[in-house]
């Protein structure tokens, strides 16, 4: 009863999701519509956990979705539902959240229930996500990589 899912955006799975919400009469899933980018931070800040789900094809599996970086920058634990990819690897490496494939969604449910019951220190996982953001997505990190590239050109 104390779990509420807020859904925002307009992804390709939205019609199917909304159909199932109506079909099963799920009262704890609320669709908020499409949010302007500048207001997304307000939604992130009220969330206890942020979900990232997508289908990794060979090209997408090498990308970092913007929302992944935003979730981490806000210090939010991240629940990833996707095939293994760079995002899931980073999340697990930094202890910033959890990764599940579609074949083991029951484990994702267990994590959500454990979080709701206070059995997992969500604050610690959020701090790990924020640490990951500082380590990987900061201007200092980008500059150090750029300097290394420039040095390699001149050496």
N, C-alpha and C. Protein backbone atom coordinates (compact mmCIF):
# COMPACT_ATOMS: atom_id res chain seq x y z
N UNK A 1 0.80 -1.21 0.00
CA UNK A 1 0.00 0.00 0.00
C UNK A 1 0.85 1.27 0.00
N UNK A 2 2.08 1.20 0.46
CA UNK A 2 2.90 2.40 0.54
C UNK A 2 3.81 2.58 -0.67
N UNK A 3 3.55 1.87 -1.74
CA UNK A 3 4.36 2.01 -2.95
C UNK A 3 3.52 2.72 -4.01
N UNK A 4 4.07 3.82 -4.53
CA UNK A 4 3.41 4.60 -5.56
C UNK A 4 4.38 4.77 -6.72
N UNK A 5 3.91 4.45 -7.91
CA UNK A 5 4.74 4.60 -9.10
C UNK A 5 4.25 5.81 -9.88
N UNK A 6 5.16 6.77 -10.11
CA UNK A 6 4.86 7.94 -10.92
C UNK A 6 5.56 7.75 -12.26
N UNK A 7 4.80 7.82 -13.33
CA UNK A 7 5.34 7.61 -14.67
C UNK A 7 5.23 8.93 -15.43
N UNK A 8 6.32 9.36 -16.03
CA UNK A 8 6.32 10.57 -16.85
C UNK A 8 7.02 10.26 -18.17
N UNK A 9 6.58 10.92 -19.21
CA UNK A 9 7.23 10.74 -20.50
C UNK A 9 6.30 10.13 -21.52
N UNK A 10 6.90 9.79 -22.65
CA UNK A 10 6.10 9.30 -23.77
C UNK A 10 6.89 8.28 -24.57
N UNK A 11 7.35 7.23 -23.93
CA UNK A 11 8.14 6.20 -24.61
C UNK A 11 7.28 5.25 -25.42
N UNK A 12 7.92 4.38 -26.17
CA UNK A 12 7.20 3.46 -27.05
C UNK A 12 6.35 2.43 -26.30
N UNK A 13 6.65 2.17 -25.04
CA UNK A 13 5.89 1.18 -24.27
C UNK A 13 4.72 1.80 -23.51
N UNK A 14 4.56 3.12 -23.60
CA UNK A 14 3.51 3.80 -22.83
C UNK A 14 2.10 3.28 -23.12
N UNK A 15 1.68 3.15 -24.38
CA UNK A 15 0.32 2.64 -24.62
C UNK A 15 0.07 1.28 -23.97
N UNK A 16 1.03 0.40 -24.06
CA UNK A 16 0.89 -0.93 -23.46
C UNK A 16 0.81 -0.82 -21.93
N UNK A 17 1.63 0.03 -21.35
CA UNK A 17 1.62 0.23 -19.90
C UNK A 17 0.27 0.77 -19.44
N UNK A 18 -0.22 1.81 -20.09
CA UNK A 18 -1.49 2.41 -19.69
C UNK A 18 -2.65 1.44 -19.88
N UNK A 19 -2.59 0.63 -20.90
CA UNK A 19 -3.62 -0.39 -21.12
C UNK A 19 -3.65 -1.36 -19.94
N UNK A 20 -2.47 -1.82 -19.52
CA UNK A 20 -2.40 -2.78 -18.42
C UNK A 20 -2.82 -2.15 -17.09
N UNK A 21 -2.47 -0.89 -16.88
CA UNK A 21 -2.89 -0.19 -15.66
C UNK A 21 -4.41 -0.16 -15.59
N UNK A 22 -5.05 0.17 -16.70
CA UNK A 22 -6.52 0.20 -16.74
C UNK A 22 -7.12 -1.20 -16.65
N UNK A 23 -6.55 -2.14 -17.37
CA UNK A 23 -7.07 -3.51 -17.40
C UNK A 23 -7.09 -4.13 -16.01
N UNK A 24 -6.01 -3.92 -15.25
CA UNK A 24 -5.90 -4.54 -13.93
C UNK A 24 -6.34 -3.62 -12.80
N UNK A 25 -6.78 -2.42 -13.13
CA UNK A 25 -7.26 -1.49 -12.10
C UNK A 25 -6.19 -1.10 -11.10
N UNK A 26 -4.98 -0.89 -11.57
CA UNK A 26 -3.86 -0.56 -10.67
C UNK A 26 -3.97 0.89 -10.23
N UNK A 27 -4.19 1.09 -8.96
CA UNK A 27 -4.40 2.44 -8.41
C UNK A 27 -3.10 3.10 -7.94
N UNK A 28 -2.03 2.33 -7.84
CA UNK A 28 -0.77 2.91 -7.35
C UNK A 28 0.18 3.28 -8.48
N UNK A 29 -0.31 3.30 -9.71
CA UNK A 29 0.49 3.75 -10.85
C UNK A 29 -0.19 4.97 -11.44
N UNK A 30 0.51 6.09 -11.40
CA UNK A 30 -0.06 7.36 -11.86
C UNK A 30 0.77 7.87 -13.03
N UNK A 31 0.09 8.11 -14.14
CA UNK A 31 0.77 8.68 -15.32
C UNK A 31 0.64 10.20 -15.26
N UNK A 32 1.77 10.88 -15.25
CA UNK A 32 1.81 12.33 -15.10
C UNK A 32 1.85 13.08 -16.42
N UNK A 33 1.99 12.36 -17.51
CA UNK A 33 2.10 13.01 -18.81
C UNK A 33 3.55 13.33 -19.14
N UNK A 34 3.71 14.15 -20.15
CA UNK A 34 5.05 14.55 -20.58
C UNK A 34 5.46 15.77 -19.78
N UNK A 35 6.65 15.72 -19.21
CA UNK A 35 7.17 16.83 -18.41
C UNK A 35 8.20 17.59 -19.23
N UNK A 36 8.22 18.93 -19.10
CA UNK A 36 9.31 19.68 -19.73
C UNK A 36 10.64 19.33 -19.06
N UNK A 37 11.70 19.30 -19.84
CA UNK A 37 13.01 18.92 -19.32
C UNK A 37 13.38 19.73 -18.07
N UNK A 38 13.12 21.03 -18.09
CA UNK A 38 13.52 21.88 -16.96
C UNK A 38 12.79 21.56 -15.66
N UNK A 39 11.68 20.84 -15.75
CA UNK A 39 10.92 20.50 -14.55
C UNK A 39 11.16 19.07 -14.08
N UNK A 40 11.90 18.30 -14.84
CA UNK A 40 12.14 16.91 -14.47
C UNK A 40 12.85 16.79 -13.13
N UNK A 41 13.71 17.73 -12.80
CA UNK A 41 14.45 17.65 -11.53
C UNK A 41 13.50 17.60 -10.34
N UNK A 42 12.35 18.25 -10.44
CA UNK A 42 11.38 18.21 -9.34
C UNK A 42 10.82 16.80 -9.17
N UNK A 43 10.56 16.15 -10.27
CA UNK A 43 10.07 14.78 -10.22
C UNK A 43 11.14 13.85 -9.66
N UNK A 44 12.37 14.01 -10.13
CA UNK A 44 13.47 13.18 -9.63
C UNK A 44 13.65 13.36 -8.13
N UNK A 45 13.53 14.59 -7.67
CA UNK A 45 13.79 14.87 -6.25
C UNK A 45 12.74 14.30 -5.30
N UNK A 46 11.54 14.02 -5.78
CA UNK A 46 10.55 13.40 -4.89
C UNK A 46 10.60 11.87 -4.98
N UNK A 47 11.37 11.36 -5.92
CA UNK A 47 11.45 9.91 -6.11
C UNK A 47 12.41 9.27 -5.11
N UNK A 48 12.08 8.06 -4.69
CA UNK A 48 12.99 7.26 -3.88
C UNK A 48 13.89 6.41 -4.75
N UNK A 49 13.40 6.08 -5.93
CA UNK A 49 14.09 5.17 -6.85
C UNK A 49 13.71 5.58 -8.26
N UNK A 50 14.67 5.56 -9.17
CA UNK A 50 14.39 5.92 -10.57
C UNK A 50 14.59 4.70 -11.46
N UNK A 51 13.68 4.54 -12.39
CA UNK A 51 13.70 3.39 -13.29
C UNK A 51 14.25 3.78 -14.65
N UNK A 52 15.12 2.94 -15.16
CA UNK A 52 15.63 3.11 -16.52
C UNK A 52 15.41 1.79 -17.24
N UNK A 53 14.53 1.81 -18.21
CA UNK A 53 14.29 0.58 -18.97
C UNK A 53 14.43 0.90 -20.45
N UNK A 54 15.16 0.06 -21.13
CA UNK A 54 15.26 0.21 -22.57
C UNK A 54 15.83 -1.05 -23.18
N UNK A 55 15.62 -1.16 -24.47
CA UNK A 55 16.08 -2.31 -25.22
C UNK A 55 17.43 -1.98 -25.83
N UNK A 56 18.46 -2.66 -25.39
CA UNK A 56 19.80 -2.38 -25.89
C UNK A 56 20.04 -3.12 -27.21
N UNK A 57 20.18 -2.37 -28.27
CA UNK A 57 20.67 -2.98 -29.49
C UNK A 57 22.17 -2.74 -29.52
N UNK A 58 22.90 -3.26 -30.49
CA UNK A 58 24.36 -3.11 -30.46
C UNK A 58 24.84 -1.66 -30.36
N UNK A 59 24.07 -0.71 -30.88
CA UNK A 59 24.48 0.69 -30.82
C UNK A 59 24.07 1.34 -29.50
N UNK A 60 22.85 1.10 -29.08
CA UNK A 60 22.35 1.70 -27.84
C UNK A 60 23.10 1.16 -26.63
N UNK A 61 23.57 -0.07 -26.71
CA UNK A 61 24.26 -0.67 -25.56
C UNK A 61 25.54 0.06 -25.20
N UNK A 62 26.04 0.89 -26.11
CA UNK A 62 27.27 1.66 -25.86
C UNK A 62 26.98 3.09 -25.42
N UNK A 63 25.71 3.47 -25.35
CA UNK A 63 25.32 4.84 -25.05
C UNK A 63 24.98 5.02 -23.57
N UNK A 64 25.07 6.26 -23.15
CA UNK A 64 24.63 6.64 -21.81
C UNK A 64 23.40 7.52 -21.95
N UNK A 65 22.21 7.00 -21.67
CA UNK A 65 21.01 7.83 -21.76
C UNK A 65 21.11 9.03 -20.82
N UNK A 66 20.61 10.15 -21.28
CA UNK A 66 20.67 11.38 -20.49
C UNK A 66 20.03 11.18 -19.12
N UNK A 67 18.92 10.45 -19.08
CA UNK A 67 18.24 10.29 -17.79
C UNK A 67 19.09 9.48 -16.80
N UNK A 68 19.94 8.59 -17.29
CA UNK A 68 20.84 7.86 -16.40
C UNK A 68 21.76 8.83 -15.67
N UNK A 69 22.33 9.77 -16.43
CA UNK A 69 23.22 10.76 -15.82
C UNK A 69 22.45 11.68 -14.88
N UNK A 70 21.22 12.03 -15.25
CA UNK A 70 20.40 12.89 -14.40
C UNK A 70 20.03 12.20 -13.09
N UNK A 71 19.63 10.95 -13.17
CA UNK A 71 19.30 10.19 -11.96
C UNK A 71 20.51 10.16 -11.01
N UNK A 72 21.66 9.85 -11.58
CA UNK A 72 22.88 9.76 -10.77
C UNK A 72 23.24 11.12 -10.18
N UNK A 73 23.14 12.18 -10.99
CA UNK A 73 23.48 13.52 -10.51
C UNK A 73 22.56 13.95 -9.36
N UNK A 74 21.32 13.48 -9.38
CA UNK A 74 20.37 13.79 -8.30
C UNK A 74 20.56 12.87 -7.10
N UNK A 75 21.48 11.92 -7.20
CA UNK A 75 21.74 11.01 -6.09
C UNK A 75 20.62 10.01 -5.86
N UNK A 76 20.01 9.56 -6.93
CA UNK A 76 18.90 8.61 -6.82
C UNK A 76 19.36 7.20 -7.16
N UNK A 77 18.99 6.22 -6.37
CA UNK A 77 19.26 4.83 -6.74
C UNK A 77 18.57 4.53 -8.07
N UNK A 78 19.22 3.71 -8.87
CA UNK A 78 18.73 3.44 -10.23
C UNK A 78 18.40 1.97 -10.38
N UNK A 79 17.20 1.70 -10.85
CA UNK A 79 16.77 0.34 -11.17
C UNK A 79 16.74 0.24 -12.69
N UNK A 80 17.62 -0.60 -13.22
CA UNK A 80 17.74 -0.74 -14.67
C UNK A 80 17.13 -2.07 -15.09
N UNK A 81 16.25 -1.99 -16.07
CA UNK A 81 15.67 -3.20 -16.67
C UNK A 81 16.04 -3.15 -18.14
N UNK A 82 17.01 -3.97 -18.51
CA UNK A 82 17.52 -3.99 -19.87
C UNK A 82 18.44 -5.19 -20.04
N UNK A 83 18.79 -5.50 -21.26
CA UNK A 83 19.88 -6.47 -21.44
C UNK A 83 21.17 -5.85 -20.86
N UNK A 84 22.18 -6.64 -20.57
CA UNK A 84 23.45 -6.08 -20.09
C UNK A 84 23.99 -5.05 -21.08
N UNK A 85 24.49 -3.94 -20.54
CA UNK A 85 25.00 -2.85 -21.38
C UNK A 85 25.93 -1.98 -20.53
N UNK A 86 26.46 -0.94 -21.13
CA UNK A 86 27.41 -0.07 -20.41
C UNK A 86 26.75 0.56 -19.18
N UNK A 87 25.49 0.94 -19.30
CA UNK A 87 24.78 1.58 -18.19
C UNK A 87 24.62 0.61 -17.02
N UNK A 88 24.21 -0.61 -17.32
CA UNK A 88 24.04 -1.58 -16.24
C UNK A 88 25.38 -1.92 -15.60
N UNK A 89 26.42 -2.01 -16.42
CA UNK A 89 27.75 -2.29 -15.88
C UNK A 89 28.22 -1.19 -14.94
N UNK A 90 28.04 0.08 -15.33
CA UNK A 90 28.44 1.20 -14.48
C UNK A 90 27.64 1.22 -13.18
N UNK A 91 26.35 1.00 -13.29
CA UNK A 91 25.48 1.02 -12.11
C UNK A 91 25.93 -0.03 -11.10
N UNK A 92 26.22 -1.22 -11.58
CA UNK A 92 26.66 -2.29 -10.68
C UNK A 92 28.07 -2.04 -10.16
N UNK A 93 28.95 -1.57 -11.03
CA UNK A 93 30.33 -1.31 -10.61
C UNK A 93 30.40 -0.28 -9.48
N UNK A 94 29.57 0.75 -9.55
CA UNK A 94 29.59 1.80 -8.54
C UNK A 94 28.63 1.55 -7.39
N UNK A 95 27.86 0.48 -7.46
CA UNK A 95 26.87 0.21 -6.40
C UNK A 95 25.77 1.25 -6.37
N UNK A 96 25.44 1.79 -7.56
CA UNK A 96 24.48 2.88 -7.67
C UNK A 96 23.04 2.41 -7.87
N UNK A 97 22.84 1.10 -7.87
CA UNK A 97 21.50 0.57 -8.07
C UNK A 97 21.54 -0.89 -8.46
N UNK A 98 20.55 -1.29 -9.23
CA UNK A 98 20.37 -2.70 -9.57
C UNK A 98 20.10 -2.85 -11.05
N UNK A 99 20.44 -4.02 -11.56
CA UNK A 99 20.17 -4.34 -12.97
C UNK A 99 19.46 -5.67 -13.06
N UNK A 100 18.40 -5.68 -13.85
CA UNK A 100 17.66 -6.91 -14.11
C UNK A 100 17.30 -6.96 -15.59
N UNK A 101 17.21 -8.17 -16.10
CA UNK A 101 16.72 -8.35 -17.45
C UNK A 101 15.23 -8.68 -17.36
N UNK A 102 14.57 -8.68 -18.50
CA UNK A 102 13.14 -8.98 -18.49
C UNK A 102 12.85 -10.38 -17.96
N UNK A 103 13.83 -11.27 -18.05
CA UNK A 103 13.61 -12.65 -17.61
C UNK A 103 13.65 -12.80 -16.09
N UNK A 104 14.13 -11.79 -15.37
CA UNK A 104 14.15 -11.91 -13.91
C UNK A 104 13.52 -10.70 -13.22
N UNK A 105 12.37 -10.30 -13.72
CA UNK A 105 11.65 -9.17 -13.13
C UNK A 105 11.17 -9.45 -11.72
N UNK A 106 11.02 -10.72 -11.37
CA UNK A 106 10.62 -11.06 -10.01
C UNK A 106 11.66 -10.56 -9.01
N UNK A 107 12.92 -10.56 -9.40
CA UNK A 107 13.99 -10.04 -8.53
C UNK A 107 13.86 -8.53 -8.37
N UNK A 108 13.47 -7.84 -9.44
CA UNK A 108 13.26 -6.39 -9.35
C UNK A 108 12.12 -6.09 -8.37
N UNK A 109 11.09 -6.90 -8.42
CA UNK A 109 9.96 -6.75 -7.49
C UNK A 109 10.44 -6.93 -6.05
N UNK A 110 11.30 -7.91 -5.83
CA UNK A 110 11.84 -8.14 -4.48
C UNK A 110 12.61 -6.92 -3.98
N UNK A 111 13.39 -6.29 -4.85
CA UNK A 111 14.15 -5.10 -4.47
C UNK A 111 13.19 -3.97 -4.09
N UNK A 112 12.18 -3.75 -4.91
CA UNK A 112 11.21 -2.68 -4.64
C UNK A 112 10.51 -2.91 -3.30
N UNK A 113 10.10 -4.14 -3.03
CA UNK A 113 9.44 -4.45 -1.76
C UNK A 113 10.40 -4.29 -0.58
N UNK A 114 11.65 -4.71 -0.75
CA UNK A 114 12.64 -4.55 0.32
C UNK A 114 12.90 -3.07 0.61
N UNK A 115 12.95 -2.25 -0.43
CA UNK A 115 13.12 -0.81 -0.24
C UNK A 115 11.93 -0.22 0.51
N UNK A 116 10.73 -0.63 0.12
CA UNK A 116 9.52 -0.12 0.77
C UNK A 116 9.46 -0.50 2.24
N UNK A 117 10.02 -1.64 2.59
CA UNK A 117 10.01 -2.10 3.98
C UNK A 117 11.22 -1.61 4.77
N UNK A 118 12.09 -0.82 4.12
CA UNK A 118 13.27 -0.29 4.80
C UNK A 118 14.37 -1.30 5.03
N UNK A 119 14.37 -2.39 4.28
CA UNK A 119 15.38 -3.44 4.46
C UNK A 119 16.66 -3.14 3.70
N UNK A 120 16.64 -2.13 2.85
CA UNK A 120 17.83 -1.72 2.09
C UNK A 120 18.06 -0.26 2.39
N UNK A 121 19.31 0.10 2.64
CA UNK A 121 19.67 1.50 2.92
C UNK A 121 19.69 2.27 1.60
N UNK A 122 18.56 2.84 1.27
CA UNK A 122 18.42 3.54 0.00
C UNK A 122 19.29 4.80 -0.05
N UNK A 123 19.54 5.40 1.11
CA UNK A 123 20.39 6.59 1.17
C UNK A 123 21.80 6.26 0.73
N UNK A 124 22.31 5.13 1.18
CA UNK A 124 23.66 4.71 0.80
C UNK A 124 23.76 4.48 -0.71
N UNK A 125 22.76 3.82 -1.28
CA UNK A 125 22.78 3.55 -2.72
C UNK A 125 22.70 4.86 -3.49
N UNK A 126 21.88 5.80 -3.01
CA UNK A 126 21.80 7.12 -3.64
C UNK A 126 23.13 7.86 -3.58
N UNK A 127 23.82 7.74 -2.47
CA UNK A 127 25.15 8.38 -2.36
C UNK A 127 26.14 7.77 -3.35
N UNK A 128 26.03 6.47 -3.55
CA UNK A 128 26.90 5.79 -4.53
C UNK A 128 26.59 6.30 -5.95
N UNK A 129 25.31 6.54 -6.22
CA UNK A 129 24.92 7.07 -7.53
C UNK A 129 25.49 8.47 -7.72
N UNK A 130 25.40 9.29 -6.68
CA UNK A 130 25.94 10.66 -6.76
C UNK A 130 27.46 10.62 -6.93
N UNK A 131 28.12 9.72 -6.22
CA UNK A 131 29.56 9.56 -6.36
C UNK A 131 29.91 9.18 -7.80
N UNK A 132 29.15 8.26 -8.37
CA UNK A 132 29.38 7.86 -9.76
C UNK A 132 29.25 9.06 -10.69
N UNK A 133 28.24 9.88 -10.47
CA UNK A 133 28.05 11.07 -11.30
C UNK A 133 29.24 12.01 -11.21
N UNK A 134 29.72 12.23 -9.99
CA UNK A 134 30.87 13.12 -9.81
C UNK A 134 32.12 12.55 -10.48
N UNK A 135 32.29 11.24 -10.37
CA UNK A 135 33.48 10.60 -10.94
C UNK A 135 33.46 10.55 -12.46
N UNK A 136 32.30 10.31 -13.04
CA UNK A 136 32.24 10.04 -14.48
C UNK A 136 31.66 11.15 -15.33
N UNK A 137 30.83 12.02 -14.76
CA UNK A 137 30.11 12.98 -15.59
C UNK A 137 30.44 14.43 -15.26
N UNK A 138 31.43 14.66 -14.44
CA UNK A 138 31.78 16.03 -14.07
C UNK A 138 32.62 16.68 -15.16
N UNK A 139 32.66 17.99 -15.14
CA UNK A 139 33.48 18.74 -16.09
C UNK A 139 34.96 18.42 -15.88
N UNK A 140 35.33 18.16 -14.63
CA UNK A 140 36.73 17.82 -14.35
C UNK A 140 37.11 16.49 -15.01
N UNK A 141 36.22 15.53 -14.95
CA UNK A 141 36.49 14.24 -15.58
C UNK A 141 36.59 14.40 -17.09
N UNK A 142 35.66 15.17 -17.68
CA UNK A 142 35.69 15.39 -19.12
C UNK A 142 36.97 16.10 -19.54
N UNK A 143 37.39 17.09 -18.75
CA UNK A 143 38.63 17.82 -19.07
C UNK A 143 39.85 16.91 -18.98
N UNK A 144 39.89 16.04 -17.98
CA UNK A 144 41.04 15.14 -17.86
C UNK A 144 41.11 14.21 -19.06
N UNK A 145 39.97 13.74 -19.54
CA UNK A 145 39.95 12.88 -20.73
C UNK A 145 40.41 13.66 -21.96
N UNK A 146 39.95 14.89 -22.09
CA UNK A 146 40.36 15.73 -23.22
C UNK A 146 41.85 15.99 -23.20
N UNK A 147 42.38 16.29 -22.03
CA UNK A 147 43.83 16.52 -21.90
C UNK A 147 44.61 15.28 -22.29
N UNK A 148 44.13 14.11 -21.88
CA UNK A 148 44.80 12.85 -22.26
C UNK A 148 44.79 12.64 -23.77
N UNK A 149 43.68 12.98 -24.41
CA UNK A 149 43.61 12.85 -25.87
C UNK A 149 44.59 13.80 -26.53
N UNK A 150 44.63 15.04 -26.06
CA UNK A 150 45.55 16.02 -26.63
C UNK A 150 47.00 15.58 -26.43
N UNK A 151 47.31 15.09 -25.25
CA UNK A 151 48.67 14.60 -24.99
C UNK A 151 49.03 13.44 -25.91
N UNK A 152 48.08 12.55 -26.14
CA UNK A 152 48.37 11.39 -27.00
C UNK A 152 48.62 11.83 -28.44
N UNK A 153 48.01 12.92 -28.86
CA UNK A 153 48.24 13.43 -30.21
C UNK A 153 49.66 13.97 -30.35
N UNK A 154 50.13 14.64 -29.32
CA UNK A 154 51.45 15.28 -29.39
C UNK A 154 52.59 14.37 -28.96
N UNK A 155 52.30 13.20 -28.45
CA UNK A 155 53.37 12.28 -28.03
C UNK A 155 53.67 11.26 -29.07
